[in-house]
Amino acid sequence: MSQKLTLALSKGRIFEETLPLLKAAGIEVTEDPETSRKLILPTNDPLVNVIIVRASDVPTYVQYGAADFGVAGKDVLLEHGGEGLYQPIDLEIAKCRMSVAVSAGFDYASAIRQGARLRVATKYLLTAREHFAAKGMHVDLIKLYGSMELAPLVGLADAIVDLVSTGGTLRANNLVEVEHIMDISSRLVVNQAALKLKRERLQPILDAFEKASIK
């Protein structure tokens, strides 16, 4: 009996940069998530579907078997914890960095020296908590889901922890990077049960992804 496979992807950069890897495995998505209203997209292989979910939900769909495999950023996986997931390949796509940023006029170095308790806005609570704890800093973390850059501008927070790609959004809002926490890229994640039960179908795709991702 032929086994169906479901791949979980998020819209945007991860989707676009996964397409060449899929192509290397002989799979082409036949509808564009930006123009289609469908959340389950067909491919040229009737046994492979792509589901479009929020980036932060990809590990959850894979963990619980609603998707057999997916592509998720390291930032998302750190917050999720990676439970129930096999993470075989760093695909080296959707690269960016996790950074601390503040308003251009804020003396971050001085605040740290003086042991100030800072308010930090982020959606990456676990990563931020670990970063500041390792530095021995006391911070109050404020969970936000979007537009981090606004928080320092309106006095909600002294600093933000967020993903930075080109830095253009920070500059446009008069913010500066003051610390680099880590480099981020996207990884392939696989449901552990699917890896056992559907290995025959999955393994050639994983191998093609790995080969294509080695630049």
C-alpha atoms as a PDB file:
ATOM      1  CA  MET A   1       0.000   0.000   0.000  1.00  0.00           C
ATOM      2  CA  SER A   2       1.365   3.419  -0.945  1.00  0.00           C
ATOM      3  CA  GLN A   3       1.886   5.766   1.970  1.00  0.00           C
ATOM      4  CA  LYS A   4       0.854   9.398   1.885  1.00  0.00           C
ATOM      5  CA  LEU A   5       3.215  12.055   3.192  1.00  0.00           C
ATOM      6  CA  THR A   6       2.369  15.485   4.566  1.00  0.00           C
ATOM      7  CA  LEU A   7       4.936  18.275   4.723  1.00  0.00           C
ATOM      8  CA  ALA A   8       4.320  21.295   6.983  1.00  0.00           C
ATOM      9  CA  LEU A   9       5.653  24.652   5.769  1.00  0.00           C
ATOM     10  CA  SER A  10       5.061  28.285   6.659  1.00  0.00           C
ATOM     11  CA  LYS A  11       4.430  31.000   4.075  1.00  0.00           C
ATOM     12  CA  GLY A  12       7.135  33.383   2.998  1.00  0.00           C
ATOM     13  CA  ARG A  13      10.870  32.872   3.026  1.00  0.00           C
ATOM     14  CA  ILE A  14      10.889  29.304   4.346  1.00  0.00           C
ATOM     15  CA  PHE A  15       8.339  28.210   1.733  1.00  0.00           C
ATOM     16  CA  GLU A  16      10.238  29.891  -1.116  1.00  0.00           C
ATOM     17  CA  GLU A  17      13.628  28.542  -0.049  1.00  0.00           C
ATOM     18  CA  THR A  18      12.286  25.001   0.470  1.00  0.00           C
ATOM     19  CA  LEU A  19      10.968  24.788  -3.117  1.00  0.00           C
ATOM     20  CA  PRO A  20      14.397  24.053  -4.687  1.00  0.00           C
ATOM     21  CA  LEU A  21      14.988  21.308  -2.101  1.00  0.00           C
ATOM     22  CA  LEU A  22      11.622  19.757  -2.925  1.00  0.00           C
ATOM     23  CA  LYS A  23      12.453  19.998  -6.617  1.00  0.00           C
ATOM     24  CA  ALA A  24      15.673  18.078  -5.959  1.00  0.00           C
ATOM     25  CA  ALA A  25      13.467  15.320  -4.520  1.00  0.00           C
ATOM     26  CA  GLY A  26      11.260  15.425  -7.638  1.00  0.00           C
ATOM     27  CA  ILE A  27       8.407  17.195  -5.858  1.00  0.00           C
ATOM     28  CA  GLU A  28       6.802  20.403  -7.087  1.00  0.00           C
ATOM     29  CA  VAL A  29       4.037  22.261  -5.284  1.00  0.00           C
ATOM     30  CA  THR A  30       1.348  22.970  -7.871  1.00  0.00           C
ATOM     31  CA  GLU A  31      -0.325  25.947  -6.186  1.00  0.00           C
ATOM     32  CA  ASP A  32       1.061  29.183  -4.752  1.00  0.00           C
ATOM     33  CA  PRO A  33       0.148  29.753  -1.078  1.00  0.00           C
ATOM     34  CA  GLU A  34       0.237  33.516  -1.653  1.00  0.00           C
ATOM     35  CA  THR A  35      -2.605  33.349  -4.174  1.00  0.00           C
ATOM     36  CA  SER A  36      -4.416  30.150  -3.183  1.00  0.00           C
ATOM     37  CA  ARG A  37      -6.841  30.164  -0.265  1.00  0.00           C
ATOM     38  CA  LYS A  38      -6.188  26.473   0.303  1.00  0.00           C
ATOM     39  CA  LEU A  39      -4.294  25.407   3.418  1.00  0.00           C
ATOM     40  CA  ILE A  40      -3.527  21.970   1.976  1.00  0.00           C
ATOM     41  CA  LEU A  41      -1.631  22.296  -1.295  1.00  0.00           C
ATOM     42  CA  PRO A  42      -1.251  19.479  -3.802  1.00  0.00           C
ATOM     43  CA  THR A  43       2.037  18.560  -5.458  1.00  0.00           C
ATOM     44  CA  ASN A  44       2.924  16.765  -8.672  1.00  0.00           C
ATOM     45  CA  ASP A  45       3.140  13.615  -6.528  1.00  0.00           C
ATOM     46  CA  PRO A  46      -0.402  12.518  -5.556  1.00  0.00           C
ATOM     47  CA  LEU A  47       1.022  10.959  -2.401  1.00  0.00           C
ATOM     48  CA  VAL A  48       2.651  14.160  -1.100  1.00  0.00           C
ATOM     49  CA  ASN A  49       0.701  17.135   0.251  1.00  0.00           C
ATOM     50  CA  VAL A  50       1.965  20.395   1.718  1.00  0.00           C
ATOM     51  CA  ILE A  51       0.092  22.042   4.592  1.00  0.00           C
ATOM     52  CA  ILE A  52       0.536  25.760   5.195  1.00  0.00           C
ATOM     53  CA  VAL A  53       0.680  26.628   8.879  1.00  0.00           C
ATOM     54  CA  ARG A  54       2.033  29.414  11.074  1.00  0.00           C
ATOM     55  CA  ALA A  55       5.814  29.158  11.447  1.00  0.00           C
ATOM     56  CA  SER A  56       5.544  28.688  15.213  1.00  0.00           C
ATOM     57  CA  ASP A  57       3.057  25.810  14.712  1.00  0.00           C
ATOM     58  CA  VAL A  58       5.195  23.678  12.368  1.00  0.00           C
ATOM     59  CA  PRO A  59       6.917  21.672  15.173  1.00  0.00           C
ATOM     60  CA  THR A  60       3.559  20.994  16.855  1.00  0.00           C
ATOM     61  CA  TYR A  61       1.963  19.626  13.666  1.00  0.00           C
ATOM     62  CA  VAL A  62       4.974  17.361  13.147  1.00  0.00           C
ATOM     63  CA  GLN A  63       5.241  16.330  16.806  1.00  0.00           C
ATOM     64  CA  TYR A  64       1.641  15.101  16.895  1.00  0.00           C
ATOM     65  CA  GLY A  65       1.782  13.411  13.490  1.00  0.00           C
ATOM     66  CA  ALA A  66      -0.574  15.776  11.659  1.00  0.00           C
ATOM     67  CA  ALA A  67       2.425  16.274   9.370  1.00  0.00           C
ATOM     68  CA  ASP A  68       5.121  13.672   8.737  1.00  0.00           C
ATOM     69  CA  PHE A  69       7.858  16.237   8.311  1.00  0.00           C
ATOM     70  CA  GLY A  70       8.303  19.990   8.142  1.00  0.00           C
ATOM     71  CA  VAL A  71      10.732  22.882   7.946  1.00  0.00           C
ATOM     72  CA  ALA A  72      11.134  25.157  10.954  1.00  0.00           C
ATOM     73  CA  GLY A  73      13.561  27.854  12.022  1.00  0.00           C
ATOM     74  CA  LYS A  74      15.996  27.170  14.853  1.00  0.00           C
ATOM     75  CA  ASP A  75      14.323  30.058  16.729  1.00  0.00           C
ATOM     76  CA  VAL A  76      10.961  28.267  16.641  1.00  0.00           C
ATOM     77  CA  LEU A  77      12.474  24.904  17.603  1.00  0.00           C
ATOM     78  CA  LEU A  78      14.264  26.361  20.628  1.00  0.00           C
ATOM     79  CA  GLU A  79      10.988  27.786  21.925  1.00  0.00           C
ATOM     80  CA  HIS A  80       9.105  24.567  21.165  1.00  0.00           C
ATOM     81  CA  GLY A  81      11.737  22.377  22.833  1.00  0.00           C
ATOM     82  CA  GLY A  82      11.920  19.876  19.961  1.00  0.00           C
ATOM     83  CA  GLU A  83      10.014  17.188  21.892  1.00  0.00           C
ATOM     84  CA  GLY A  84       9.012  14.196  19.782  1.00  0.00           C
ATOM     85  CA  LEU A  85      10.953  15.484  16.785  1.00  0.00           C
ATOM     86  CA  TYR A  86      13.878  14.090  14.857  1.00  0.00           C
ATOM     87  CA  GLN A  87      16.001  16.950  13.489  1.00  0.00           C
ATOM     88  CA  PRO A  88      18.302  15.346  10.949  1.00  0.00           C
ATOM     89  CA  ILE A  89      19.378  18.250   8.760  1.00  0.00           C
ATOM     90  CA  ASP A  90      20.220  21.933   9.094  1.00  0.00           C
ATOM     91  CA  LEU A  91      19.020  23.026   5.653  1.00  0.00           C
ATOM     92  CA  GLU A  92      21.022  26.283   5.798  1.00  0.00           C
ATOM     93  CA  ILE A  93      18.050  28.261   4.463  1.00  0.00           C
ATOM     94  CA  ALA A  94      16.130  31.336   5.690  1.00  0.00           C
ATOM     95  CA  LYS A  95      19.263  32.525   7.462  1.00  0.00           C
ATOM     96  CA  CYS A  96      19.150  35.400   9.918  1.00  0.00           C
ATOM     97  CA  ARG A  97      20.311  36.137  13.459  1.00  0.00           C
ATOM     98  CA  MET A  98      18.771  36.538  16.888  1.00  0.00           C
ATOM     99  CA  SER A  99      19.822  39.856  18.400  1.00  0.00           C
ATOM    100  CA  VAL A 100      19.212  42.325  21.196  1.00  0.00           C
ATOM    101  CA  ALA A 101      18.299  45.806  19.921  1.00  0.00           C
ATOM    102  CA  VAL A 102      17.595  49.120  21.649  1.00  0.00           C
ATOM    103  CA  SER A 103      16.687  52.672  20.679  1.00  0.00           C
ATOM    104  CA  ALA A 104      19.664  54.491  19.202  1.00  0.00           C
ATOM    105  CA  GLY A 105      19.897  56.866  22.177  1.00  0.00           C
ATOM    106  CA  PHE A 106      19.799  54.172  24.876  1.00  0.00           C
ATOM    107  CA  ASP A 107      23.157  53.414  26.585  1.00  0.00           C
ATOM    108  CA  TYR A 108      22.815  49.648  26.864  1.00  0.00           C
ATOM    109  CA  ALA A 109      26.412  49.027  27.977  1.00  0.00           C
ATOM    110  CA  SER A 110      26.068  51.548  30.805  1.00  0.00           C
ATOM    111  CA  ALA A 111      22.740  50.064  31.905  1.00  0.00           C
ATOM    112  CA  ILE A 112      24.357  46.608  32.135  1.00  0.00           C
ATOM    113  CA  ARG A 113      27.347  47.952  34.090  1.00  0.00           C
ATOM    114  CA  GLN A 114      25.044  49.605  36.591  1.00  0.00           C
ATOM    115  CA  GLY A 115      23.027  46.399  37.011  1.00  0.00           C
ATOM    116  CA  ALA A 116      19.816  48.033  35.812  1.00  0.00           C
ATOM    117  CA  ARG A 117      16.748  45.814  35.565  1.00  0.00           C
ATOM    118  CA  LEU A 118      15.668  46.069  31.956  1.00  0.00           C
ATOM    119  CA  ARG A 119      12.312  45.436  30.353  1.00  0.00           C
ATOM    120  CA  VAL A 120      12.730  43.318  27.243  1.00  0.00           C
ATOM    121  CA  ALA A 121       9.997  42.689  24.659  1.00  0.00           C
ATOM    122  CA  THR A 122      10.181  39.473  22.650  1.00  0.00           C
ATOM    123  CA  LYS A 123       8.237  36.478  21.425  1.00  0.00           C
ATOM    124  CA  TYR A 124      11.283  34.295  22.140  1.00  0.00           C
ATOM    125  CA  LEU A 125      10.923  34.069  25.914  1.00  0.00           C
ATOM    126  CA  LEU A 126      13.025  30.940  26.494  1.00  0.00           C
ATOM    127  CA  THR A 127      15.914  32.108  24.327  1.00  0.00           C
ATOM    128  CA  ALA A 128      15.885  35.596  25.846  1.00  0.00           C
ATOM    129  CA  ARG A 129      15.666  34.255  29.418  1.00  0.00           C
ATOM    130  CA  GLU A 130      18.648  31.946  28.866  1.00  0.00           C
ATOM    131  CA  HIS A 131      20.703  34.687  27.203  1.00  0.00           C
ATOM    132  CA  PHE A 132      20.253  37.238  29.966  1.00  0.00           C
ATOM    133  CA  ALA A 133      20.584  34.645  32.751  1.00  0.00           C
ATOM    134  CA  ALA A 134      23.945  33.575  31.305  1.00  0.00           C
ATOM    135  CA  LYS A 135      25.054  37.221  31.523  1.00  0.00           C
ATOM    136  CA  GLY A 136      23.794  37.507  35.089  1.00  0.00           C
ATOM    137  CA  MET A 137      21.320  40.208  34.055  1.00  0.00           C
ATOM    138  CA  HIS A 138      17.937  40.745  35.655  1.00  0.00           C
ATOM    139  CA  VAL A 139      15.247  41.428  33.082  1.00  0.00           C
ATOM    140  CA  ASP A 140      11.476  41.587  32.953  1.00  0.00           C
ATOM    141  CA  LEU A 141      10.328  39.818  29.790  1.00  0.00           C
ATOM    142  CA  ILE A 142       7.261  41.100  27.971  1.00  0.00           C
ATOM    143  CA  LYS A 143       5.710  38.682  25.474  1.00  0.00           C
ATOM    144  CA  LEU A 144       4.704  40.254  22.177  1.00  0.00           C
ATOM    145  CA  TYR A 145       3.624  38.569  18.955  1.00  0.00           C
ATOM    146  CA  GLY A 146       4.433  41.250  16.378  1.00  0.00           C
ATOM    147  CA  SER A 147       6.037  44.646  15.695  1.00  0.00           C
ATOM    148  CA  MET A 148       8.755  44.290  18.349  1.00  0.00           C
ATOM    149  CA  GLU A 149      10.374  47.467  17.048  1.00  0.00           C
ATOM    150  CA  LEU A 150       7.490  49.529  18.396  1.00  0.00           C
ATOM    151  CA  ALA A 151       8.081  48.520  22.031  1.00  0.00           C
ATOM    152  CA  PRO A 152      11.156  50.724  22.721  1.00  0.00           C
ATOM    153  CA  LEU A 153       9.697  53.605  20.705  1.00  0.00           C
ATOM    154  CA  VAL A 154       6.620  53.938  22.925  1.00  0.00           C
ATOM    155  CA  GLY A 155       8.307  53.122  26.224  1.00  0.00           C
ATOM    156  CA  LEU A 156       6.935  49.601  26.636  1.00  0.00           C
ATOM    157  CA  ALA A 157      10.432  48.113  26.799  1.00  0.00           C
ATOM    158  CA  ASP A 158      14.086  49.150  27.033  1.00  0.00           C
ATOM    159  CA  ALA A 159      15.208  46.471  24.590  1.00  0.00           C
ATOM    160  CA  ILE A 160      13.900  43.806  22.240  1.00  0.00           C
ATOM    161  CA  VAL A 161      15.095  40.323  21.346  1.00  0.00           C
ATOM    162  CA  ASP A 162      14.144  39.538  17.779  1.00  0.00           C
ATOM    163  CA  LEU A 163      15.259  38.077  14.477  1.00  0.00           C
ATOM    164  CA  VAL A 164      17.301  40.361  12.272  1.00  0.00           C
ATOM    165  CA  SER A 165      17.924  39.735   8.601  1.00  0.00           C
ATOM    166  CA  THR A 166      19.234  42.882   6.885  1.00  0.00           C
ATOM    167  CA  GLY A 167      18.702  45.264   9.796  1.00  0.00           C
ATOM    168  CA  GLY A 168      16.600  47.549   7.584  1.00  0.00           C
ATOM    169  CA  THR A 169      13.552  47.507   9.868  1.00  0.00           C
ATOM    170  CA  LEU A 170      15.701  48.360  12.887  1.00  0.00           C
ATOM    171  CA  ARG A 171      17.331  51.289  11.092  1.00  0.00           C
ATOM    172  CA  ALA A 172      13.981  52.575   9.827  1.00  0.00           C
ATOM    173  CA  ASN A 173      12.785  52.720  13.440  1.00  0.00           C
ATOM    174  CA  ASN A 174      15.985  54.248  14.846  1.00  0.00           C
ATOM    175  CA  LEU A 175      17.010  51.062  16.647  1.00  0.00           C
ATOM    176  CA  VAL A 176      20.484  49.528  16.865  1.00  0.00           C
ATOM    177  CA  GLU A 177      21.715  45.980  17.437  1.00  0.00           C
ATOM    178  CA  VAL A 178      23.704  45.785  20.663  1.00  0.00           C
ATOM    179  CA  GLU A 179      24.177  42.024  21.023  1.00  0.00           C
ATOM    180  CA  HIS A 180      24.266  39.051  18.718  1.00  0.00           C
ATOM    181  CA  ILE A 181      22.723  36.054  20.486  1.00  0.00           C
ATOM    182  CA  MET A 182      22.959  33.365  17.809  1.00  0.00           C
ATOM    183  CA  ASP A 183      22.780  32.625  14.098  1.00  0.00           C
ATOM    184  CA  ILE A 184      19.498  31.146  12.921  1.00  0.00           C
ATOM    185  CA  SER A 185      18.711  28.895   9.970  1.00  0.00           C
ATOM    186  CA  SER A 186      15.921  26.448   9.201  1.00  0.00           C
ATOM    187  CA  ARG A 187      15.971  22.742   9.900  1.00  0.00           C
ATOM    188  CA  LEU A 188      14.142  19.720   8.618  1.00  0.00           C
ATOM    189  CA  VAL A 189      12.076  18.114  11.375  1.00  0.00           C
ATOM    190  CA  VAL A 190      10.551  14.657  11.139  1.00  0.00           C
ATOM    191  CA  ASN A 191       7.896  12.905  13.192  1.00  0.00           C
ATOM    192  CA  GLN A 192       9.630  10.015  14.960  1.00  0.00           C
ATOM    193  CA  ALA A 193       6.850   7.504  14.314  1.00  0.00           C
ATOM    194  CA  ALA A 194       6.650   8.481  10.630  1.00  0.00           C
ATOM    195  CA  LEU A 195      10.391   7.954  10.301  1.00  0.00           C
ATOM    196  CA  LYS A 196       9.924   4.345  11.405  1.00  0.00           C
ATOM    197  CA  LEU A 197       6.632   3.555   9.670  1.00  0.00           C
ATOM    198  CA  LYS A 198       7.182   5.477   6.430  1.00  0.00           C
ATOM    199  CA  ARG A 199      10.961   5.279   6.142  1.00  0.00           C
ATOM    200  CA  GLU A 200      10.816   3.796   2.652  1.00  0.00           C
ATOM    201  CA  ARG A 201       8.939   6.865   1.362  1.00  0.00           C
ATOM    202  CA  LEU A 202      10.619   9.452   3.560  1.00  0.00           C
ATOM    203  CA  GLN A 203      14.283   8.500   3.339  1.00  0.00           C
ATOM    204  CA  PRO A 204      14.792   9.313  -0.389  1.00  0.00           C
ATOM    205  CA  ILE A 205      13.249  12.767   0.219  1.00  0.00           C
ATOM    206  CA  LEU A 206      15.448  13.369   3.273  1.00  0.00           C
ATOM    207  CA  ASP A 207      18.511  12.282   1.296  1.00  0.00           C
ATOM    208  CA  ALA A 208      17.614  14.635  -1.577  1.00  0.00           C
ATOM    209  CA  PHE A 209      17.081  17.535   0.870  1.00  0.00           C
ATOM    210  CA  GLU A 210      20.433  16.869   2.518  1.00  0.00           C
ATOM    211  CA  LYS A 211      22.292  16.646  -0.791  1.00  0.00           C
ATOM    212  CA  ALA A 212      20.644  19.824  -2.131  1.00  0.00           C
ATOM    213  CA  SER A 213      21.278  21.777   1.061  1.00  0.00           C
ATOM    214  CA  ILE A 214      25.029  21.132   1.004  1.00  0.00           C
ATOM    215  CA  LYS A 215      26.227  24.208  -0.842  1.00  0.00           C
END
